Each structure stands twice: as structure tokens, then as C-alpha cells.
Amino acid sequence: RIKELVLSFEQGWSPNAADWCADEGDFGVLKLSAISNGMFYELNNKSLEIDKLPQNTLLAKKGSVLISRSNTPALVADSCLVRKTPYTSLVVPDLVFCLTFNLKTVEPEFMSYALNSSSFRWLKTVSARGLNDSMVKVSQKIVKNWTVFIPPILEQAGIATYLNIKTKQIDCNIEQLSKKIEQYGKLKQSLINETITC
């Protein structure tokens, strides 16, 4: 279970923030949209107009796994790995859990992929509770009791490396196709403009 694999399981804090993204060197607080489809989008944050953070403020750090505890049923408990040190100090909000795993037994990259598998998407949805269907939450107790089947640490690392390579190749293909779609769209519009004259 998750609770037997983590060194820390913390919940963040949501201070009042501006509507714009934090500049490098400033403080920011993450939006829920910073966690999306297993990816960490550090620029999805709000600037904090303060000179100093309260002591023991929870920050997003390289190697941490973030899990949103509140969202729509389809997105609740979305999770991601912070793969590199953020460009500036980013506060973890109160609607996000921050997990640090024992590196002797868990490879964070593998855990991130496991938590974003289709079987876990189902578990996340059925674990959520709420007063209405539009916004639900998962509790710390429930997440801690999720069961994750993990192979030996070296096998985890091998699986994570394989998935990193393959997903990067797919992302490159998607990017190339997107560029082609954009080019065909421009070609189509050009054809229309040249054919239909005023």
C-alpha cells in the first residue's frame, strides 16, 4: 500500500495569489492544472506577492509525486512526477497531496506511470466522494490505502526507462502530425481565399 512506500505524505497550503504566473526568483502557488495527464506543468501557477514564505511551507521539489485531491470525477486524483527542479519556488496548494517515496524500494518514475495507468484511473474515480457529480475529492486515508504492485527496484527503473523512451517517440510523432495538420489547414484556407474572390 502507498502508506508503506512513502517517506512523507503531505498536504499543501493555498495562500491568496495574483492572477499572473510567478517570475523566476519570485514565489508562486500551483494551480490544479499544473497536474494534467501525468505531466507537471510548472508554469500553471499564480504569483504570490510576498517577500518571504511562512516556515515549513510545502514546495514542489524534484522527485516528488503530486496528486490532486479535488476535481471532476474524470480528473480527480490526477498525478504527476516533478521530474526536475522547478524554475522558481512553487507552493503546493491545499488541494494537492505531495508524496516522497523511499528510493530504496520505489523508483518515482515507475510510480508515476503506475498511478497514471488505466486501472488506477478507475480506482481514483471510485475512490472519490462528493456532494454532487461535478466536483469530488479523495481523502488522504483512501490514497494511503491504495495498493500498488511493484517489482524489484532495478526492474522498476528498467520499465520507467523503456516508457520514457517510447512516450517521447510518441510525443515527437504527435508534434510532427500537429505541424502537418496546421500546414494543411493553412493550405485549405489559402485555396478558399484564392478561389473565392470579391
N, C-alpha and C. Protein backbone atom coordinates (compact mmCIF):
# COMPACT_ATOMS: atom_id res chain seq x y z
N ARG A 1 0.83 -1.20 0.00
CA ARG A 1 0.00 0.00 0.00
C ARG A 1 0.86 1.26 0.00
N ILE A 2 0.29 2.34 -0.50
CA ILE A 2 1.02 3.60 -0.61
C ILE A 2 1.66 4.00 0.72
N LYS A 3 0.91 3.87 1.79
CA LYS A 3 1.41 4.33 3.09
C LYS A 3 2.66 3.57 3.55
N GLU A 4 2.88 2.39 3.01
CA GLU A 4 4.04 1.60 3.38
C GLU A 4 5.25 1.90 2.48
N LEU A 5 5.04 2.73 1.46
CA LEU A 5 6.09 3.01 0.49
C LEU A 5 6.64 4.44 0.58
N VAL A 6 5.90 5.31 1.28
CA VAL A 6 6.30 6.72 1.32
C VAL A 6 7.14 7.06 2.55
N LEU A 7 7.99 8.07 2.36
CA LEU A 7 8.72 8.66 3.49
C LEU A 7 7.92 9.81 4.07
N SER A 8 7.17 10.49 3.19
CA SER A 8 6.32 11.59 3.65
C SER A 8 5.08 11.67 2.78
N PHE A 9 3.98 12.10 3.38
CA PHE A 9 2.70 12.28 2.68
C PHE A 9 2.10 13.56 3.24
N GLU A 10 2.23 14.63 2.47
CA GLU A 10 1.85 15.95 2.98
C GLU A 10 0.79 16.61 2.12
N GLN A 11 0.11 17.57 2.72
CA GLN A 11 -0.91 18.34 2.03
C GLN A 11 -0.50 19.81 2.09
N GLY A 12 -0.73 20.52 0.99
CA GLY A 12 -0.24 21.88 0.88
C GLY A 12 -1.11 22.95 1.50
N TRP A 13 -0.85 24.19 1.09
CA TRP A 13 -1.48 25.38 1.64
C TRP A 13 -1.80 26.33 0.50
N SER A 14 -2.96 26.96 0.53
CA SER A 14 -3.37 27.85 -0.55
C SER A 14 -3.49 29.30 -0.08
N PRO A 15 -2.43 30.07 -0.25
CA PRO A 15 -2.48 31.49 0.10
C PRO A 15 -3.17 32.30 -1.00
N ASN A 16 -3.52 33.54 -0.69
CA ASN A 16 -4.07 34.42 -1.71
C ASN A 16 -2.99 34.71 -2.74
N ALA A 17 -3.39 34.70 -4.02
CA ALA A 17 -2.40 34.86 -5.08
C ALA A 17 -2.93 35.77 -6.17
N ALA A 18 -2.00 36.27 -6.98
CA ALA A 18 -2.35 37.12 -8.12
C ALA A 18 -2.86 36.25 -9.27
N ASP A 19 -3.29 36.90 -10.34
CA ASP A 19 -3.84 36.17 -11.49
C ASP A 19 -2.78 35.82 -12.53
N TRP A 20 -1.53 36.25 -12.29
CA TRP A 20 -0.49 36.00 -13.27
C TRP A 20 0.54 35.00 -12.75
N CYS A 21 1.32 34.47 -13.67
CA CYS A 21 2.35 33.47 -13.36
C CYS A 21 3.53 34.12 -12.66
N ALA A 22 4.14 33.40 -11.74
CA ALA A 22 5.29 33.91 -11.00
C ALA A 22 6.52 34.02 -11.90
N ASP A 23 7.28 35.09 -11.72
CA ASP A 23 8.54 35.25 -12.44
C ASP A 23 9.63 34.43 -11.74
N GLU A 24 10.70 34.15 -12.46
CA GLU A 24 11.83 33.44 -11.86
C GLU A 24 12.36 34.23 -10.67
N GLY A 25 12.54 33.56 -9.55
CA GLY A 25 13.02 34.21 -8.34
C GLY A 25 11.91 34.64 -7.41
N ASP A 26 10.66 34.68 -7.93
CA ASP A 26 9.51 35.02 -7.09
C ASP A 26 8.90 33.74 -6.52
N PHE A 27 7.88 33.91 -5.68
CA PHE A 27 7.15 32.77 -5.14
C PHE A 27 5.84 32.61 -5.91
N GLY A 28 5.41 31.36 -6.08
CA GLY A 28 4.15 31.08 -6.74
C GLY A 28 3.45 29.91 -6.07
N VAL A 29 2.16 29.79 -6.34
CA VAL A 29 1.39 28.63 -5.83
C VAL A 29 0.83 27.90 -7.04
N LEU A 30 0.95 26.59 -7.04
CA LEU A 30 0.50 25.79 -8.18
C LEU A 30 -1.02 25.81 -8.32
N LYS A 31 -1.48 25.82 -9.58
CA LYS A 31 -2.90 25.61 -9.88
C LYS A 31 -3.13 24.10 -10.01
N LEU A 32 -4.39 23.69 -9.94
CA LEU A 32 -4.69 22.27 -10.16
C LEU A 32 -4.29 21.85 -11.57
N SER A 33 -4.35 22.78 -12.51
CA SER A 33 -3.99 22.47 -13.90
C SER A 33 -2.51 22.19 -14.08
N ALA A 34 -1.71 22.42 -13.03
CA ALA A 34 -0.28 22.08 -13.11
C ALA A 34 -0.09 20.57 -13.17
N ILE A 35 -1.13 19.83 -12.74
CA ILE A 35 -1.10 18.37 -12.79
C ILE A 35 -2.11 17.93 -13.84
N SER A 36 -1.64 17.41 -14.96
CA SER A 36 -2.56 17.05 -16.04
C SER A 36 -2.02 15.88 -16.85
N ASN A 37 -2.82 14.82 -16.92
CA ASN A 37 -2.47 13.63 -17.72
C ASN A 37 -1.08 13.11 -17.41
N GLY A 38 -0.71 13.10 -16.13
CA GLY A 38 0.55 12.54 -15.73
C GLY A 38 1.74 13.46 -15.91
N MET A 39 1.50 14.70 -16.34
CA MET A 39 2.58 15.65 -16.58
C MET A 39 2.51 16.81 -15.59
N PHE A 40 3.69 17.38 -15.29
CA PHE A 40 3.79 18.52 -14.39
C PHE A 40 4.05 19.77 -15.21
N TYR A 41 3.12 20.72 -15.15
CA TYR A 41 3.23 21.97 -15.89
C TYR A 41 3.50 23.11 -14.90
N GLU A 42 4.79 23.38 -14.70
CA GLU A 42 5.19 24.32 -13.66
C GLU A 42 4.73 25.75 -13.91
N LEU A 43 4.50 26.10 -15.17
CA LEU A 43 4.06 27.46 -15.48
C LEU A 43 2.60 27.70 -15.14
N ASN A 44 1.87 26.64 -14.82
CA ASN A 44 0.48 26.79 -14.38
C ASN A 44 0.48 27.09 -12.89
N ASN A 45 0.81 28.32 -12.58
CA ASN A 45 0.86 28.76 -11.19
C ASN A 45 0.42 30.21 -11.09
N LYS A 46 0.20 30.67 -9.87
CA LYS A 46 -0.17 32.06 -9.61
C LYS A 46 0.89 32.69 -8.73
N SER A 47 1.25 33.91 -9.06
CA SER A 47 2.29 34.62 -8.33
C SER A 47 1.84 35.00 -6.92
N LEU A 48 2.75 34.86 -5.98
CA LEU A 48 2.50 35.29 -4.60
C LEU A 48 3.24 36.60 -4.36
N GLU A 49 2.50 37.62 -4.04
CA GLU A 49 3.09 38.94 -3.85
C GLU A 49 3.60 39.08 -2.41
N ILE A 50 4.56 38.24 -2.05
CA ILE A 50 5.14 38.27 -0.71
C ILE A 50 6.66 38.16 -0.81
N ASP A 51 7.34 38.64 0.22
CA ASP A 51 8.81 38.62 0.23
C ASP A 51 9.38 37.37 0.89
N LYS A 52 8.55 36.72 1.72
CA LYS A 52 9.04 35.57 2.47
C LYS A 52 7.90 34.58 2.71
N LEU A 53 8.20 33.30 2.57
CA LEU A 53 7.21 32.26 2.82
C LEU A 53 7.19 31.89 4.30
N PRO A 54 6.02 31.51 4.83
CA PRO A 54 5.97 31.02 6.21
C PRO A 54 6.88 29.81 6.38
N GLN A 55 7.38 29.62 7.57
CA GLN A 55 8.26 28.48 7.85
C GLN A 55 7.56 27.17 7.58
N ASN A 56 8.30 26.20 7.03
CA ASN A 56 7.79 24.86 6.74
C ASN A 56 6.74 24.83 5.62
N THR A 57 6.73 25.85 4.77
CA THR A 57 5.83 25.83 3.61
C THR A 57 6.23 24.69 2.68
N LEU A 58 5.25 23.93 2.21
CA LEU A 58 5.50 22.78 1.34
C LEU A 58 5.71 23.25 -0.10
N LEU A 59 6.88 22.94 -0.65
CA LEU A 59 7.22 23.33 -2.02
C LEU A 59 7.33 22.10 -2.92
N ALA A 60 7.01 22.31 -4.19
CA ALA A 60 7.20 21.24 -5.18
C ALA A 60 8.69 21.04 -5.40
N LYS A 61 9.15 19.81 -5.24
CA LYS A 61 10.58 19.51 -5.39
C LYS A 61 10.80 18.34 -6.34
N LYS A 62 11.96 18.33 -6.97
CA LYS A 62 12.32 17.24 -7.87
C LYS A 62 12.20 15.90 -7.14
N GLY A 63 11.51 14.94 -7.78
CA GLY A 63 11.35 13.62 -7.19
C GLY A 63 10.04 13.42 -6.46
N SER A 64 9.31 14.52 -6.20
CA SER A 64 8.02 14.40 -5.51
C SER A 64 6.93 13.97 -6.48
N VAL A 65 5.97 13.22 -5.98
CA VAL A 65 4.79 12.86 -6.76
C VAL A 65 3.62 13.67 -6.21
N LEU A 66 2.95 14.40 -7.09
CA LEU A 66 1.82 15.24 -6.71
C LEU A 66 0.52 14.59 -7.13
N ILE A 67 -0.48 14.64 -6.25
CA ILE A 67 -1.80 14.06 -6.53
C ILE A 67 -2.86 15.09 -6.18
N SER A 68 -3.70 15.45 -7.14
CA SER A 68 -4.77 16.40 -6.88
C SER A 68 -5.86 15.70 -6.08
N ARG A 69 -6.31 16.32 -5.00
CA ARG A 69 -7.30 15.65 -4.16
C ARG A 69 -8.72 16.10 -4.45
N SER A 70 -8.88 17.09 -5.32
CA SER A 70 -10.22 17.58 -5.66
C SER A 70 -10.28 17.96 -7.13
N ASN A 71 -11.34 17.49 -7.79
CA ASN A 71 -11.54 17.83 -9.20
C ASN A 71 -12.83 17.17 -9.67
N THR A 72 -13.07 17.17 -10.97
CA THR A 72 -14.21 16.46 -11.52
C THR A 72 -13.94 14.96 -11.41
N PRO A 73 -14.98 14.12 -11.48
CA PRO A 73 -14.77 12.67 -11.38
C PRO A 73 -13.75 12.12 -12.38
N ALA A 74 -13.68 12.71 -13.57
CA ALA A 74 -12.76 12.23 -14.60
C ALA A 74 -11.32 12.65 -14.34
N LEU A 75 -11.13 13.68 -13.52
CA LEU A 75 -9.79 14.22 -13.32
C LEU A 75 -9.29 14.12 -11.88
N VAL A 76 -10.17 13.78 -10.95
CA VAL A 76 -9.77 13.73 -9.55
C VAL A 76 -8.63 12.74 -9.34
N ALA A 77 -7.70 13.11 -8.46
CA ALA A 77 -6.53 12.29 -8.14
C ALA A 77 -5.58 12.13 -9.32
N ASP A 78 -5.66 13.06 -10.28
CA ASP A 78 -4.65 13.09 -11.34
C ASP A 78 -3.30 13.26 -10.66
N SER A 79 -2.27 12.64 -11.20
CA SER A 79 -0.98 12.67 -10.51
C SER A 79 0.15 12.89 -11.51
N CYS A 80 1.28 13.34 -10.98
CA CYS A 80 2.45 13.56 -11.83
C CYS A 80 3.71 13.51 -10.98
N LEU A 81 4.82 13.34 -11.66
CA LEU A 81 6.14 13.39 -11.02
C LEU A 81 6.79 14.72 -11.35
N VAL A 82 7.36 15.37 -10.34
CA VAL A 82 8.15 16.57 -10.58
C VAL A 82 9.53 16.09 -11.03
N ARG A 83 9.78 16.09 -12.33
CA ARG A 83 10.99 15.46 -12.89
C ARG A 83 12.24 16.32 -12.79
N LYS A 84 12.08 17.61 -12.62
CA LYS A 84 13.24 18.49 -12.48
C LYS A 84 12.92 19.59 -11.47
N THR A 85 13.95 20.24 -10.98
CA THR A 85 13.75 21.33 -10.02
C THR A 85 12.99 22.48 -10.69
N PRO A 86 11.85 22.91 -10.13
CA PRO A 86 11.08 24.00 -10.73
C PRO A 86 11.91 25.27 -10.90
N TYR A 87 11.50 26.10 -11.86
CA TYR A 87 12.25 27.32 -12.19
C TYR A 87 12.23 28.35 -11.07
N THR A 88 11.26 28.22 -10.17
CA THR A 88 11.18 29.13 -9.03
C THR A 88 10.49 28.40 -7.89
N SER A 89 10.39 29.02 -6.71
CA SER A 89 9.78 28.37 -5.55
C SER A 89 8.26 28.29 -5.72
N LEU A 90 7.74 27.07 -5.87
CA LEU A 90 6.31 26.87 -6.12
C LEU A 90 5.67 26.14 -4.95
N VAL A 91 4.70 26.80 -4.32
CA VAL A 91 3.99 26.24 -3.17
C VAL A 91 2.99 25.19 -3.63
N VAL A 92 2.94 24.08 -2.92
CA VAL A 92 1.93 23.05 -3.18
C VAL A 92 0.63 23.50 -2.51
N PRO A 93 -0.48 23.61 -3.24
CA PRO A 93 -1.73 24.09 -2.65
C PRO A 93 -2.42 23.04 -1.79
N ASP A 94 -3.44 23.46 -1.06
CA ASP A 94 -4.11 22.55 -0.13
C ASP A 94 -4.93 21.48 -0.85
N LEU A 95 -5.20 21.66 -2.13
CA LEU A 95 -5.95 20.66 -2.88
C LEU A 95 -5.04 19.62 -3.55
N VAL A 96 -3.78 19.61 -3.12
CA VAL A 96 -2.81 18.67 -3.70
C VAL A 96 -2.04 17.95 -2.59
N PHE A 97 -1.90 16.64 -2.74
CA PHE A 97 -1.05 15.84 -1.86
C PHE A 97 0.35 15.80 -2.47
N CYS A 98 1.36 15.81 -1.61
CA CYS A 98 2.75 15.72 -2.07
C CYS A 98 3.40 14.51 -1.41
N LEU A 99 3.82 13.54 -2.23
CA LEU A 99 4.37 12.29 -1.72
C LEU A 99 5.86 12.17 -2.04
N THR A 100 6.62 11.76 -1.05
CA THR A 100 8.03 11.44 -1.25
C THR A 100 8.21 9.96 -0.93
N PHE A 101 8.74 9.21 -1.91
CA PHE A 101 8.85 7.76 -1.74
C PHE A 101 10.24 7.34 -1.26
N ASN A 102 10.28 6.18 -0.63
CA ASN A 102 11.53 5.58 -0.21
C ASN A 102 12.27 5.07 -1.45
N LEU A 103 13.37 5.70 -1.80
CA LEU A 103 14.08 5.38 -3.04
C LEU A 103 14.76 4.01 -3.02
N LYS A 104 14.82 3.40 -1.85
CA LYS A 104 15.38 2.06 -1.76
C LYS A 104 14.42 1.01 -2.30
N THR A 105 13.14 1.35 -2.29
CA THR A 105 12.14 0.37 -2.73
C THR A 105 11.28 0.86 -3.88
N VAL A 106 11.27 2.18 -4.13
CA VAL A 106 10.39 2.74 -5.16
C VAL A 106 11.16 3.67 -6.10
N GLU A 107 11.01 3.45 -7.40
CA GLU A 107 11.51 4.36 -8.42
C GLU A 107 10.38 5.34 -8.74
N PRO A 108 10.53 6.64 -8.42
CA PRO A 108 9.44 7.61 -8.62
C PRO A 108 8.87 7.64 -10.03
N GLU A 109 9.73 7.48 -11.05
CA GLU A 109 9.27 7.46 -12.44
C GLU A 109 8.29 6.30 -12.65
N PHE A 110 8.66 5.12 -12.13
CA PHE A 110 7.78 3.95 -12.26
C PHE A 110 6.46 4.20 -11.54
N MET A 111 6.53 4.75 -10.33
CA MET A 111 5.32 5.00 -9.55
C MET A 111 4.40 5.97 -10.28
N SER A 112 4.98 6.99 -10.89
CA SER A 112 4.17 7.95 -11.64
C SER A 112 3.43 7.28 -12.79
N TYR A 113 4.13 6.41 -13.52
CA TYR A 113 3.47 5.68 -14.61
C TYR A 113 2.38 4.75 -14.06
N ALA A 114 2.66 4.09 -12.94
CA ALA A 114 1.68 3.18 -12.36
C ALA A 114 0.41 3.92 -11.95
N LEU A 115 0.58 5.08 -11.32
CA LEU A 115 -0.57 5.85 -10.85
C LEU A 115 -1.38 6.43 -12.00
N ASN A 116 -0.78 6.50 -13.19
CA ASN A 116 -1.49 7.04 -14.35
C ASN A 116 -1.95 5.96 -15.33
N SER A 117 -1.90 4.71 -14.89
CA SER A 117 -2.40 3.62 -15.73
C SER A 117 -3.93 3.61 -15.72
N SER A 118 -4.53 2.94 -16.68
CA SER A 118 -5.99 2.92 -16.80
C SER A 118 -6.65 2.26 -15.59
N SER A 119 -5.99 1.23 -15.03
CA SER A 119 -6.57 0.56 -13.86
C SER A 119 -6.62 1.50 -12.67
N PHE A 120 -5.61 2.35 -12.53
CA PHE A 120 -5.62 3.32 -11.44
C PHE A 120 -6.60 4.45 -11.71
N ARG A 121 -6.85 4.78 -12.96
CA ARG A 121 -7.84 5.81 -13.27
C ARG A 121 -9.20 5.37 -12.76
N TRP A 122 -9.51 4.08 -12.94
CA TRP A 122 -10.77 3.54 -12.43
C TRP A 122 -10.81 3.61 -10.90
N LEU A 123 -9.69 3.22 -10.26
CA LEU A 123 -9.63 3.23 -8.80
C LEU A 123 -9.79 4.65 -8.26
N LYS A 124 -9.16 5.61 -8.92
CA LYS A 124 -9.27 7.01 -8.48
C LYS A 124 -10.71 7.49 -8.53
N THR A 125 -11.41 7.14 -9.61
CA THR A 125 -12.78 7.59 -9.78
C THR A 125 -13.71 6.99 -8.72
N VAL A 126 -13.58 5.70 -8.47
CA VAL A 126 -14.48 5.06 -7.49
C VAL A 126 -14.09 5.41 -6.06
N SER A 127 -12.86 5.90 -5.85
CA SER A 127 -12.42 6.28 -4.51
C SER A 127 -12.95 7.65 -4.10
N ALA A 128 -13.37 8.45 -5.08
CA ALA A 128 -13.75 9.83 -4.83
C ALA A 128 -15.14 9.93 -4.19
N ARG A 129 -15.30 10.97 -3.40
CA ARG A 129 -16.59 11.24 -2.74
C ARG A 129 -16.93 12.71 -2.92
N GLY A 130 -18.23 13.01 -3.00
CA GLY A 130 -18.65 14.40 -3.13
C GLY A 130 -20.15 14.55 -3.01
N LEU A 131 -20.57 15.79 -2.78
CA LEU A 131 -22.00 16.08 -2.63
C LEU A 131 -22.69 16.17 -3.97
N ASN A 132 -21.93 16.35 -5.04
CA ASN A 132 -22.52 16.41 -6.38
C ASN A 132 -21.57 15.74 -7.37
N ASP A 133 -22.03 15.60 -8.60
CA ASP A 133 -21.25 14.89 -9.61
C ASP A 133 -20.20 15.76 -10.29
N SER A 134 -20.25 17.08 -10.05
CA SER A 134 -19.34 17.97 -10.76
C SER A 134 -17.99 18.14 -10.07
N MET A 135 -17.94 17.98 -8.76
CA MET A 135 -16.69 18.16 -8.03
C MET A 135 -16.61 17.15 -6.88
N VAL A 136 -15.57 16.33 -6.90
CA VAL A 136 -15.43 15.29 -5.87
C VAL A 136 -14.02 15.36 -5.29
N LYS A 137 -13.80 14.64 -4.20
CA LYS A 137 -12.49 14.64 -3.54
C LYS A 137 -12.08 13.23 -3.15
N VAL A 138 -10.78 13.03 -2.99
CA VAL A 138 -10.26 11.80 -2.41
C VAL A 138 -9.57 12.18 -1.10
N SER A 139 -9.73 11.34 -0.10
CA SER A 139 -9.14 11.64 1.20
C SER A 139 -7.73 11.07 1.30
N GLN A 140 -6.97 11.61 2.23
CA GLN A 140 -5.62 11.13 2.47
C GLN A 140 -5.65 9.66 2.90
N LYS A 141 -6.64 9.31 3.71
CA LYS A 141 -6.77 7.93 4.19
C LYS A 141 -6.96 6.95 3.04
N ILE A 142 -7.80 7.33 2.08
CA ILE A 142 -8.07 6.46 0.94
C ILE A 142 -6.82 6.28 0.08
N VAL A 143 -6.15 7.40 -0.22
CA VAL A 143 -4.95 7.33 -1.07
C VAL A 143 -3.87 6.48 -0.41
N LYS A 144 -3.70 6.64 0.89
CA LYS A 144 -2.68 5.87 1.60
C LYS A 144 -2.94 4.37 1.54
N ASN A 145 -4.19 4.00 1.35
CA ASN A 145 -4.54 2.58 1.32
C ASN A 145 -4.64 2.00 -0.09
N TRP A 146 -4.35 2.82 -1.11
CA TRP A 146 -4.28 2.26 -2.46
C TRP A 146 -3.17 1.21 -2.52
N THR A 147 -3.46 0.11 -3.18
CA THR A 147 -2.47 -0.95 -3.33
C THR A 147 -1.77 -0.84 -4.68
N VAL A 148 -0.45 -0.82 -4.63
CA VAL A 148 0.36 -0.75 -5.85
C VAL A 148 1.27 -1.98 -5.88
N PHE A 149 1.19 -2.74 -6.95
CA PHE A 149 2.06 -3.91 -7.10
C PHE A 149 3.35 -3.46 -7.76
N ILE A 150 4.45 -3.56 -7.04
CA ILE A 150 5.73 -3.06 -7.57
C ILE A 150 6.75 -4.19 -7.67
N PRO A 151 7.47 -4.25 -8.80
CA PRO A 151 8.55 -5.24 -8.97
C PRO A 151 9.80 -4.75 -8.23
N PRO A 152 10.88 -5.52 -8.26
CA PRO A 152 12.13 -5.08 -7.65
C PRO A 152 12.59 -3.74 -8.24
N ILE A 153 13.36 -2.99 -7.48
CA ILE A 153 13.73 -1.63 -7.84
C ILE A 153 14.43 -1.54 -9.19
N LEU A 154 15.32 -2.48 -9.52
CA LEU A 154 16.01 -2.43 -10.81
C LEU A 154 15.04 -2.67 -11.97
N GLU A 155 14.05 -3.53 -11.75
CA GLU A 155 13.04 -3.76 -12.79
C GLU A 155 12.16 -2.53 -12.97
N GLN A 156 11.85 -1.86 -11.85
CA GLN A 156 11.08 -0.61 -11.93
C GLN A 156 11.82 0.41 -12.80
N ALA A 157 13.13 0.55 -12.54
CA ALA A 157 13.94 1.51 -13.29
C ALA A 157 13.97 1.17 -14.77
N GLY A 158 14.06 -0.13 -15.09
CA GLY A 158 14.07 -0.56 -16.48
C GLY A 158 12.76 -0.25 -17.18
N ILE A 159 11.65 -0.50 -16.50
CA ILE A 159 10.33 -0.22 -17.07
C ILE A 159 10.16 1.27 -17.29
N ALA A 160 10.59 2.08 -16.31
CA ALA A 160 10.46 3.53 -16.41
C ALA A 160 11.28 4.07 -17.58
N THR A 161 12.50 3.54 -17.76
CA THR A 161 13.36 3.98 -18.86
C THR A 161 12.73 3.63 -20.20
N TYR A 162 12.21 2.41 -20.31
CA TYR A 162 11.54 1.97 -21.55
C TYR A 162 10.36 2.89 -21.87
N LEU A 163 9.53 3.18 -20.87
CA LEU A 163 8.35 4.02 -21.09
C LEU A 163 8.76 5.46 -21.42
N ASN A 164 9.82 5.95 -20.81
CA ASN A 164 10.31 7.30 -21.13
C ASN A 164 10.68 7.40 -22.60
N ILE A 165 11.41 6.40 -23.10
CA ILE A 165 11.85 6.40 -24.50
C ILE A 165 10.65 6.32 -25.44
N LYS A 166 9.75 5.38 -25.17
CA LYS A 166 8.60 5.16 -26.06
C LYS A 166 7.63 6.33 -26.05
N THR A 167 7.36 6.89 -24.88
CA THR A 167 6.42 8.03 -24.81
C THR A 167 7.01 9.27 -25.47
N LYS A 168 8.34 9.42 -25.38
CA LYS A 168 9.00 10.56 -26.05
C LYS A 168 8.87 10.42 -27.56
N GLN A 169 9.02 9.19 -28.07
CA GLN A 169 8.87 8.96 -29.51
C GLN A 169 7.45 9.28 -29.95
N ILE A 170 6.48 8.87 -29.15
CA ILE A 170 5.08 9.16 -29.49
C ILE A 170 4.81 10.65 -29.46
N ASP A 171 5.36 11.35 -28.46
CA ASP A 171 5.18 12.80 -28.37
C ASP A 171 5.77 13.50 -29.60
N CYS A 172 6.91 13.01 -30.07
CA CYS A 172 7.54 13.58 -31.27
C CYS A 172 6.65 13.38 -32.50
N ASN A 173 6.06 12.17 -32.60
CA ASN A 173 5.15 11.89 -33.71
C ASN A 173 3.92 12.79 -33.66
N ILE A 174 3.40 12.99 -32.46
CA ILE A 174 2.23 13.86 -32.29
C ILE A 174 2.57 15.29 -32.72
N GLU A 175 3.75 15.75 -32.32
CA GLU A 175 4.18 17.10 -32.67
C GLU A 175 4.30 17.27 -34.19
N GLN A 176 4.88 16.26 -34.84
CA GLN A 176 5.03 16.32 -36.30
C GLN A 176 3.67 16.32 -36.99
N LEU A 177 2.76 15.48 -36.51
CA LEU A 177 1.41 15.42 -37.09
C LEU A 177 0.67 16.74 -36.88
N SER A 178 0.87 17.33 -35.71
CA SER A 178 0.21 18.61 -35.42
C SER A 178 0.68 19.69 -36.37
N LYS A 179 1.99 19.69 -36.67
CA LYS A 179 2.54 20.66 -37.62
C LYS A 179 1.95 20.44 -39.02
N LYS A 180 1.81 19.16 -39.41
CA LYS A 180 1.23 18.86 -40.72
C LYS A 180 -0.22 19.29 -40.79
N ILE A 181 -0.96 19.06 -39.72
CA ILE A 181 -2.37 19.47 -39.69
C ILE A 181 -2.48 20.99 -39.83
N GLU A 182 -1.57 21.70 -39.14
CA GLU A 182 -1.56 23.16 -39.23
C GLU A 182 -1.25 23.62 -40.66
N GLN A 183 -0.28 22.95 -41.30
CA GLN A 183 0.10 23.31 -42.67
C GLN A 183 -1.05 23.06 -43.65
N TYR A 184 -1.73 21.90 -43.48
CA TYR A 184 -2.86 21.58 -44.35
C TYR A 184 -4.01 22.56 -44.13
N GLY A 185 -4.16 23.00 -42.87
CA GLY A 185 -5.21 23.98 -42.57
C GLY A 185 -4.94 25.29 -43.29
N LYS A 186 -3.67 25.72 -43.29
CA LYS A 186 -3.31 26.96 -43.98
C LYS A 186 -3.49 26.80 -45.49
N LEU A 187 -3.11 25.60 -46.00
CA LEU A 187 -3.27 25.34 -47.43
C LEU A 187 -4.74 25.39 -47.82
N LYS A 188 -5.59 24.82 -46.99
CA LYS A 188 -7.03 24.82 -47.25
C LYS A 188 -7.56 26.24 -47.29
N GLN A 189 -7.16 27.05 -46.29
CA GLN A 189 -7.64 28.42 -46.22
C GLN A 189 -7.13 29.24 -47.41
N SER A 190 -5.89 28.98 -47.81
CA SER A 190 -5.32 29.68 -48.97
C SER A 190 -6.10 29.34 -50.23
N LEU A 191 -6.45 28.07 -50.39
CA LEU A 191 -7.23 27.64 -51.56
C LEU A 191 -8.58 28.34 -51.59
N ILE A 192 -9.22 28.42 -50.44
CA ILE A 192 -10.53 29.09 -50.37
C ILE A 192 -10.39 30.56 -50.72
N ASN A 193 -9.35 31.20 -50.16
CA ASN A 193 -9.15 32.64 -50.40
C ASN A 193 -8.87 32.94 -51.88
N GLU A 194 -8.10 32.04 -52.53
CA GLU A 194 -7.76 32.26 -53.94
C GLU A 194 -8.94 31.97 -54.87
N THR A 195 -9.81 31.06 -54.44
CA THR A 195 -10.93 30.65 -55.28
C THR A 195 -12.11 31.62 -55.16
N ILE A 196 -12.37 32.03 -53.91
CA ILE A 196 -13.49 32.93 -53.67
C ILE A 196 -12.94 34.36 -53.62
N THR A 197 -13.18 35.10 -54.65
CA THR A 197 -12.71 36.49 -54.72
C THR A 197 -13.89 37.44 -54.71
N CYS A 198 -13.66 38.55 -54.09
CA CYS A 198 -14.73 39.56 -54.01
C CYS A 198 -14.80 40.37 -55.29
